[in-house]
Amino acid sequence: MYLPYFSSLTSKLLSRLMAHFEKELQKTPEKKGDELSRRYKSILDSVRVRQRKLFRFARLVVRIRPSSSTSQLTFEDS
């Protein structure tokens, strides 16, 4: 995996995350009051967890290769 590919991968993942968030918000809620509040909290928690995982991955890659734009990255299963 090359770093330019990493940038496009990160961009694609962020756009998918935002699309998922917007799609969830567009669904018409059938609930009222506390149930509606819990639904929105659940949506935000889900998006927040996915966003943290994505940013953690981005920091890991930047730490591995901070100034190289053509290095090949390999990840081994441990």
PDB file of N, CA and C in Angstrom:
ATOM      1  N   MET A   1       0.847  -1.165   0.000  1.00  0.00           N
ATOM      2  CA  MET A   1       0.000   0.000   0.000  1.00  0.00           C
ATOM      3  C   MET A   1       0.896   1.233   0.000  1.00  0.00           C
ATOM      4  N   TYR A   2       0.698   2.123  -0.928  1.00  0.00           N
ATOM      5  CA  TYR A   2       1.469   3.355  -1.001  1.00  0.00           C
ATOM      6  C   TYR A   2       0.725   4.473  -0.287  1.00  0.00           C
ATOM      7  N   LEU A   3       1.487   5.451   0.203  1.00  0.00           N
ATOM      8  CA  LEU A   3       0.874   6.550   0.951  1.00  0.00           C
ATOM      9  C   LEU A   3      -0.132   7.355   0.136  1.00  0.00           C
ATOM     10  N   PRO A   4       0.104   7.619  -1.158  1.00  0.00           N
ATOM     11  CA  PRO A   4      -0.967   8.293  -1.909  1.00  0.00           C
ATOM     12  C   PRO A   4      -2.249   7.458  -1.921  1.00  0.00           C
ATOM     13  N   TYR A   5      -2.094   6.151  -2.022  1.00  0.00           N
ATOM     14  CA  TYR A   5      -3.251   5.269  -1.936  1.00  0.00           C
ATOM     15  C   TYR A   5      -3.882   5.387  -0.557  1.00  0.00           C
ATOM     16  N   PHE A   6      -3.037   5.494   0.470  1.00  0.00           N
ATOM     17  CA  PHE A   6      -3.538   5.653   1.836  1.00  0.00           C
ATOM     18  C   PHE A   6      -4.392   6.906   1.948  1.00  0.00           C
ATOM     19  N   SER A   7      -3.960   8.002   1.339  1.00  0.00           N
ATOM     20  CA  SER A   7      -4.734   9.242   1.390  1.00  0.00           C
ATOM     21  C   SER A   7      -6.089   9.072   0.719  1.00  0.00           C
ATOM     22  N   SER A   8      -6.105   8.416  -0.422  1.00  0.00           N
ATOM     23  CA  SER A   8      -7.390   8.221  -1.090  1.00  0.00           C
ATOM     24  C   SER A   8      -8.259   7.246  -0.311  1.00  0.00           C
ATOM     25  N   LEU A   9      -7.636   6.243   0.305  1.00  0.00           N
ATOM     26  CA  LEU A   9      -8.376   5.300   1.137  1.00  0.00           C
ATOM     27  C   LEU A   9      -8.988   6.016   2.331  1.00  0.00           C
ATOM     28  N   THR A  10      -8.213   6.852   2.992  1.00  0.00           N
ATOM     29  CA  THR A  10      -8.718   7.606   4.140  1.00  0.00           C
ATOM     30  C   THR A  10      -9.855   8.525   3.727  1.00  0.00           C
ATOM     31  N   SER A  11      -9.691   9.188   2.611  1.00  0.00           N
ATOM     32  CA  SER A  11     -10.739  10.076   2.108  1.00  0.00           C
ATOM     33  C   SER A  11     -12.012   9.302   1.805  1.00  0.00           C
ATOM     34  N   LYS A  12     -11.868   8.148   1.169  1.00  0.00           N
ATOM     35  CA  LYS A  12     -13.032   7.327   0.833  1.00  0.00           C
ATOM     36  C   LYS A  12     -13.734   6.842   2.096  1.00  0.00           C
ATOM     37  N   LEU A  13     -12.953   6.427   3.096  1.00  0.00           N
ATOM     38  CA  LEU A  13     -13.545   5.957   4.343  1.00  0.00           C
ATOM     39  C   LEU A  13     -14.273   7.072   5.082  1.00  0.00           C
ATOM     40  N   LEU A  14     -13.681   8.261   5.099  1.00  0.00           N
ATOM     41  CA  LEU A  14     -14.348   9.398   5.737  1.00  0.00           C
ATOM     42  C   LEU A  14     -15.639   9.764   5.017  1.00  0.00           C
ATOM     43  N   SER A  15     -15.618   9.723   3.686  1.00  0.00           N
ATOM     44  CA  SER A  15     -16.843  10.066   2.953  1.00  0.00           C
ATOM     45  C   SER A  15     -17.922   9.005   3.187  1.00  0.00           C
ATOM     46  N   ARG A  16     -17.532   7.738   3.296  1.00  0.00           N
ATOM     47  CA  ARG A  16     -18.511   6.694   3.597  1.00  0.00           C
ATOM     48  C   ARG A  16     -19.093   6.873   4.992  1.00  0.00           C
ATOM     49  N   LEU A  17     -18.235   7.256   5.921  1.00  0.00           N
ATOM     50  CA  LEU A  17     -18.696   7.492   7.291  1.00  0.00           C
ATOM     51  C   LEU A  17     -19.713   8.629   7.325  1.00  0.00           C
ATOM     52  N   MET A  18     -19.422   9.712   6.617  1.00  0.00           N
ATOM     53  CA  MET A  18     -20.348  10.843   6.577  1.00  0.00           C
ATOM     54  C   MET A  18     -21.649  10.461   5.869  1.00  0.00           C
ATOM     55  N   ALA A  19     -21.550   9.679   4.797  1.00  0.00           N
ATOM     56  CA  ALA A  19     -22.753   9.245   4.086  1.00  0.00           C
ATOM     57  C   ALA A  19     -23.626   8.381   4.991  1.00  0.00           C
ATOM     58  N   HIS A  20     -22.994   7.502   5.751  1.00  0.00           N
ATOM     59  CA  HIS A  20     -23.742   6.653   6.689  1.00  0.00           C
ATOM     60  C   HIS A  20     -24.450   7.515   7.733  1.00  0.00           C
ATOM     61  N   PHE A  21     -23.731   8.486   8.277  1.00  0.00           N
ATOM     62  CA  PHE A  21     -24.288   9.381   9.286  1.00  0.00           C
ATOM     63  C   PHE A  21     -25.496  10.145   8.730  1.00  0.00           C
ATOM     64  N   GLU A  22     -25.339  10.708   7.536  1.00  0.00           N
ATOM     65  CA  GLU A  22     -26.437  11.467   6.921  1.00  0.00           C
ATOM     66  C   GLU A  22     -27.625  10.577   6.589  1.00  0.00           C
ATOM     67  N   LYS A  23     -27.349   9.351   6.128  1.00  0.00           N
ATOM     68  CA  LYS A  23     -28.431   8.422   5.805  1.00  0.00           C
ATOM     69  C   LYS A  23     -29.223   8.056   7.056  1.00  0.00           C
ATOM     70  N   GLU A  24     -28.525   7.834   8.152  1.00  0.00           N
ATOM     71  CA  GLU A  24     -29.201   7.506   9.407  1.00  0.00           C
ATOM     72  C   GLU A  24     -30.062   8.669   9.890  1.00  0.00           C
ATOM     73  N   LEU A  25     -29.565   9.889   9.707  1.00  0.00           N
ATOM     74  CA  LEU A  25     -30.340  11.060  10.136  1.00  0.00           C
ATOM     75  C   LEU A  25     -31.550  11.310   9.242  1.00  0.00           C
ATOM     76  N   GLN A  26     -31.482  10.893   7.973  1.00  0.00           N
ATOM     77  CA  GLN A  26     -32.590  11.119   7.043  1.00  0.00           C
ATOM     78  C   GLN A  26     -33.768  10.179   7.281  1.00  0.00           C
ATOM     79  N   LYS A  27     -33.511   9.035   7.896  1.00  0.00           N
ATOM     80  CA  LYS A  27     -34.600   8.084   8.147  1.00  0.00           C
ATOM     81  C   LYS A  27     -35.647   8.736   9.039  1.00  0.00           C
ATOM     82  N   THR A  28     -36.906   8.558   8.690  1.00  0.00           N
ATOM     83  CA  THR A  28     -37.967   9.156   9.487  1.00  0.00           C
ATOM     84  C   THR A  28     -38.164   8.359  10.763  1.00  0.00           C
ATOM     85  N   PRO A  29     -38.008   9.031  11.882  1.00  0.00           N
ATOM     86  CA  PRO A  29     -38.182   8.333  13.157  1.00  0.00           C
ATOM     87  C   PRO A  29     -39.654   8.075  13.455  1.00  0.00           C
ATOM     88  N   GLU A  30     -39.926   6.898  13.958  1.00  0.00           N
ATOM     89  CA  GLU A  30     -41.292   6.562  14.360  1.00  0.00           C
ATOM     90  C   GLU A  30     -41.452   6.722  15.864  1.00  0.00           C
ATOM     91  N   LYS A  31     -40.386   7.158  16.497  1.00  0.00           N
ATOM     92  CA  LYS A  31     -40.379   7.255  17.957  1.00  0.00           C
ATOM     93  C   LYS A  31     -40.524   8.708  18.384  1.00  0.00           C
ATOM     94  N   LYS A  32     -40.865   8.891  19.620  1.00  0.00           N
ATOM     95  CA  LYS A  32     -41.032  10.245  20.170  1.00  0.00           C
ATOM     96  C   LYS A  32     -40.303  10.337  21.510  1.00  0.00           C
ATOM     97  N   GLY A  33     -39.984  11.553  21.900  1.00  0.00           N
ATOM     98  CA  GLY A  33     -39.436  11.825  23.230  1.00  0.00           C
ATOM     99  C   GLY A  33     -38.112  11.151  23.521  1.00  0.00           C
ATOM    100  N   ASP A  34     -38.087  10.412  24.635  1.00  0.00           N
ATOM    101  CA  ASP A  34     -36.852   9.765  25.087  1.00  0.00           C
ATOM    102  C   ASP A  34     -36.314   8.752  24.085  1.00  0.00           C
ATOM    103  N   GLU A  35     -37.203   8.036  23.414  1.00  0.00           N
ATOM    104  CA  GLU A  35     -36.770   7.044  22.432  1.00  0.00           C
ATOM    105  C   GLU A  35     -36.047   7.715  21.269  1.00  0.00           C
ATOM    106  N   LEU A  36     -36.529   8.859  20.855  1.00  0.00           N
ATOM    107  CA  LEU A  36     -35.898   9.611  19.770  1.00  0.00           C
ATOM    108  C   LEU A  36     -34.522  10.102  20.212  1.00  0.00           C
ATOM    109  N   SER A  37     -34.446  10.593  21.436  1.00  0.00           N
ATOM    110  CA  SER A  37     -33.175  11.049  21.981  1.00  0.00           C
ATOM    111  C   SER A  37     -32.159   9.905  22.040  1.00  0.00           C
ATOM    112  N   ARG A  38     -32.614   8.719  22.466  1.00  0.00           N
ATOM    113  CA  ARG A  38     -31.731   7.549  22.520  1.00  0.00           C
ATOM    114  C   ARG A  38     -31.281   7.130  21.125  1.00  0.00           C
ATOM    115  N   ARG A  39     -32.172   7.256  20.149  1.00  0.00           N
ATOM    116  CA  ARG A  39     -31.812   6.894  18.775  1.00  0.00           C
ATOM    117  C   ARG A  39     -30.706   7.797  18.250  1.00  0.00           C
ATOM    118  N   TYR A  40     -30.848   9.108  18.443  1.00  0.00           N
ATOM    119  CA  TYR A  40     -29.815  10.034  17.983  1.00  0.00           C
ATOM    120  C   TYR A  40     -28.507   9.830  18.732  1.00  0.00           C
ATOM    121  N   LYS A  41     -28.581   9.542  20.009  1.00  0.00           N
ATOM    122  CA  LYS A  41     -27.366   9.269  20.783  1.00  0.00           C
ATOM    123  C   LYS A  41     -26.678   8.022  20.257  1.00  0.00           C
ATOM    124  N   SER A  42     -27.445   7.006  19.932  1.00  0.00           N
ATOM    125  CA  SER A  42     -26.895   5.766  19.382  1.00  0.00           C
ATOM    126  C   SER A  42     -26.204   6.004  18.045  1.00  0.00           C
ATOM    127  N   ILE A  43     -26.833   6.801  17.186  1.00  0.00           N
ATOM    128  CA  ILE A  43     -26.239   7.134  15.882  1.00  0.00           C
ATOM    129  C   ILE A  43     -24.917   7.858  16.085  1.00  0.00           C
ATOM    130  N   LEU A  44     -24.913   8.866  16.942  1.00  0.00           N
ATOM    131  CA  LEU A  44     -23.689   9.630  17.192  1.00  0.00           C
ATOM    132  C   LEU A  44     -22.594   8.762  17.793  1.00  0.00           C
ATOM    133  N   ASP A  45     -22.946   7.876  18.717  1.00  0.00           N
ATOM    134  CA  ASP A  45     -21.953   6.983  19.321  1.00  0.00           C
ATOM    135  C   ASP A  45     -21.338   6.064  18.272  1.00  0.00           C
ATOM    136  N   SER A  46     -22.170   5.531  17.400  1.00  0.00           N
ATOM    137  CA  SER A  46     -21.682   4.641  16.349  1.00  0.00           C
ATOM    138  C   SER A  46     -20.703   5.361  15.419  1.00  0.00           C
ATOM    139  N   VAL A  47     -21.079   6.550  14.984  1.00  0.00           N
ATOM    140  CA  VAL A  47     -20.217   7.329  14.095  1.00  0.00           C
ATOM    141  C   VAL A  47     -18.931   7.731  14.815  1.00  0.00           C
ATOM    142  N   ARG A  48     -19.030   8.102  16.066  1.00  0.00           N
ATOM    143  CA  ARG A  48     -17.859   8.504  16.839  1.00  0.00           C
ATOM    144  C   ARG A  48     -16.863   7.351  16.975  1.00  0.00           C
ATOM    145  N   VAL A  49     -17.347   6.148  17.221  1.00  0.00           N
ATOM    146  CA  VAL A  49     -16.463   4.988  17.350  1.00  0.00           C
ATOM    147  C   VAL A  49     -15.750   4.712  16.029  1.00  0.00           C
ATOM    148  N   ARG A  50     -16.488   4.746  14.921  1.00  0.00           N
ATOM    149  CA  ARG A  50     -15.880   4.501  13.607  1.00  0.00           C
ATOM    150  C   ARG A  50     -14.864   5.582  13.259  1.00  0.00           C
ATOM    151  N   GLN A  51     -15.164   6.832  13.616  1.00  0.00           N
ATOM    152  CA  GLN A  51     -14.243   7.935  13.342  1.00  0.00           C
ATOM    153  C   GLN A  51     -12.961   7.779  14.145  1.00  0.00           C
ATOM    154  N   ARG A  52     -13.065   7.387  15.399  1.00  0.00           N
ATOM    155  CA  ARG A  52     -11.871   7.177  16.223  1.00  0.00           C
ATOM    156  C   ARG A  52     -10.990   6.073  15.663  1.00  0.00           C
ATOM    157  N   LYS A  53     -11.607   4.977  15.227  1.00  0.00           N
ATOM    158  CA  LYS A  53     -10.834   3.878  14.643  1.00  0.00           C
ATOM    159  C   LYS A  53     -10.092   4.340  13.391  1.00  0.00           C
ATOM    160  N   LEU A  54     -10.764   5.111  12.558  1.00  0.00           N
ATOM    161  CA  LEU A  54     -10.147   5.616  11.337  1.00  0.00           C
ATOM    162  C   LEU A  54      -8.979   6.542  11.652  1.00  0.00           C
ATOM    163  N   PHE A  55      -9.152   7.468  12.595  1.00  0.00           N
ATOM    164  CA  PHE A  55      -8.067   8.379  12.946  1.00  0.00           C
ATOM    165  C   PHE A  55      -6.917   7.661  13.634  1.00  0.00           C
ATOM    166  N   ARG A  56      -7.212   6.626  14.415  1.00  0.00           N
ATOM    167  CA  ARG A  56      -6.158   5.824  15.031  1.00  0.00           C
ATOM    168  C   ARG A  56      -5.311   5.144  13.955  1.00  0.00           C
ATOM    169  N   PHE A  57      -5.977   4.605  12.944  1.00  0.00           N
ATOM    170  CA  PHE A  57      -5.280   3.987  11.827  1.00  0.00           C
ATOM    171  C   PHE A  57      -4.407   5.009  11.102  1.00  0.00           C
ATOM    172  N   ALA A  58      -4.938   6.201  10.862  1.00  0.00           N
ATOM    173  CA  ALA A  58      -4.183   7.249  10.175  1.00  0.00           C
ATOM    174  C   ALA A  58      -2.944   7.639  10.973  1.00  0.00           C
ATOM    175  N   ARG A  59      -3.076   7.785  12.287  1.00  0.00           N
ATOM    176  CA  ARG A  59      -1.914   8.121  13.114  1.00  0.00           C
ATOM    177  C   ARG A  59      -0.864   7.011  13.078  1.00  0.00           C
ATOM    178  N   LEU A  60      -1.302   5.761  13.070  1.00  0.00           N
ATOM    179  CA  LEU A  60      -0.375   4.637  13.004  1.00  0.00           C
ATOM    180  C   LEU A  60       0.439   4.686  11.723  1.00  0.00           C
ATOM    181  N   VAL A  61      -0.198   4.913  10.602  1.00  0.00           N
ATOM    182  CA  VAL A  61       0.507   4.951   9.328  1.00  0.00           C
ATOM    183  C   VAL A  61       1.457   6.135   9.268  1.00  0.00           C
ATOM    184  N   VAL A  62       1.042   7.283   9.762  1.00  0.00           N
ATOM    185  CA  VAL A  62       1.910   8.462   9.750  1.00  0.00           C
ATOM    186  C   VAL A  62       3.129   8.234  10.646  1.00  0.00           C
ATOM    187  N   ARG A  63       2.937   7.567  11.766  1.00  0.00           N
ATOM    188  CA  ARG A  63       4.049   7.263  12.655  1.00  0.00           C
ATOM    189  C   ARG A  63       5.048   6.307  12.004  1.00  0.00           C
ATOM    190  N   ILE A  64       4.538   5.357  11.223  1.00  0.00           N
ATOM    191  CA  ILE A  64       5.413   4.382  10.575  1.00  0.00           C
ATOM    192  C   ILE A  64       6.251   5.044   9.492  1.00  0.00           C
ATOM    193  N   ARG A  65       5.635   5.836   8.665  1.00  0.00           N
ATOM    194  CA  ARG A  65       6.323   6.496   7.550  1.00  0.00           C
ATOM    195  C   ARG A  65       5.990   7.980   7.523  1.00  0.00           C
ATOM    196  N   PRO A  66       6.617   8.800   8.377  1.00  0.00           N
ATOM    197  CA  PRO A  66       6.217  10.209   8.466  1.00  0.00           C
ATOM    198  C   PRO A  66       6.571  11.065   7.252  1.00  0.00           C
ATOM    199  N   SER A  67       7.683  10.778   6.549  1.00  0.00           N
ATOM    200  CA  SER A  67       8.068  11.708   5.487  1.00  0.00           C
ATOM    201  C   SER A  67       8.247  11.028   4.135  1.00  0.00           C
ATOM    202  N   SER A  68       7.829   9.823   4.011  1.00  0.00           N
ATOM    203  CA  SER A  68       8.011   9.127   2.748  1.00  0.00           C
ATOM    204  C   SER A  68       6.697   9.082   1.975  1.00  0.00           C
ATOM    205  N   SER A  69       6.745   9.444   0.718  1.00  0.00           N
ATOM    206  CA  SER A  69       5.522   9.423  -0.076  1.00  0.00           C
ATOM    207  C   SER A  69       5.464   8.234  -1.025  1.00  0.00           C
ATOM    208  N   THR A  70       6.539   7.464  -1.122  1.00  0.00           N
ATOM    209  CA  THR A  70       6.534   6.340  -2.046  1.00  0.00           C
ATOM    210  C   THR A  70       6.881   5.025  -1.352  1.00  0.00           C
ATOM    211  N   SER A  71       6.939   5.006  -0.058  1.00  0.00           N
ATOM    212  CA  SER A  71       7.270   3.785   0.659  1.00  0.00           C
ATOM    213  C   SER A  71       6.126   2.805   0.564  1.00  0.00           C
ATOM    214  N   GLN A  72       6.503   1.559   0.525  1.00  0.00           N
ATOM    215  CA  GLN A  72       5.472   0.510   0.501  1.00  0.00           C
ATOM    216  C   GLN A  72       5.271   0.045   1.927  1.00  0.00           C
ATOM    217  N   LEU A  73       4.013  -0.011   2.343  1.00  0.00           N
ATOM    218  CA  LEU A  73       3.690  -0.433   3.705  1.00  0.00           C
ATOM    219  C   LEU A  73       3.157  -1.849   3.672  1.00  0.00           C
ATOM    220  N   THR A  74       3.609  -2.639   4.620  1.00  0.00           N
ATOM    221  CA  THR A  74       3.073  -3.989   4.750  1.00  0.00           C
ATOM    222  C   THR A  74       2.664  -4.178   6.203  1.00  0.00           C
ATOM    223  N   PHE A  75       1.522  -4.750   6.400  1.00  0.00           N
ATOM    224  CA  PHE A  75       1.008  -5.023   7.737  1.00  0.00           C
ATOM    225  C   PHE A  75       0.947  -6.525   7.913  1.00  0.00           C
ATOM    226  N   GLU A  76       1.527  -6.985   8.985  1.00  0.00           N
ATOM    227  CA  GLU A  76       1.515  -8.409   9.268  1.00  0.00           C
ATOM    228  C   GLU A  76       0.507  -8.701  10.358  1.00  0.00           C
ATOM    229  N   ASP A  77      -0.176  -9.828  10.211  1.00  0.00           N
ATOM    230  CA  ASP A  77      -1.108 -10.251  11.268  1.00  0.00           C
ATOM    231  C   ASP A  77      -0.296 -10.732  12.449  1.00  0.00           C
ATOM    232  N   SER A  78      -0.702 -10.288  13.630  1.00  0.00           N
ATOM    233  CA  SER A  78       0.021 -10.750  14.826  1.00  0.00           C
ATOM    234  C   SER A  78      -0.883 -11.486  15.760  1.00  0.00           C
TER     235      SER A  78
END
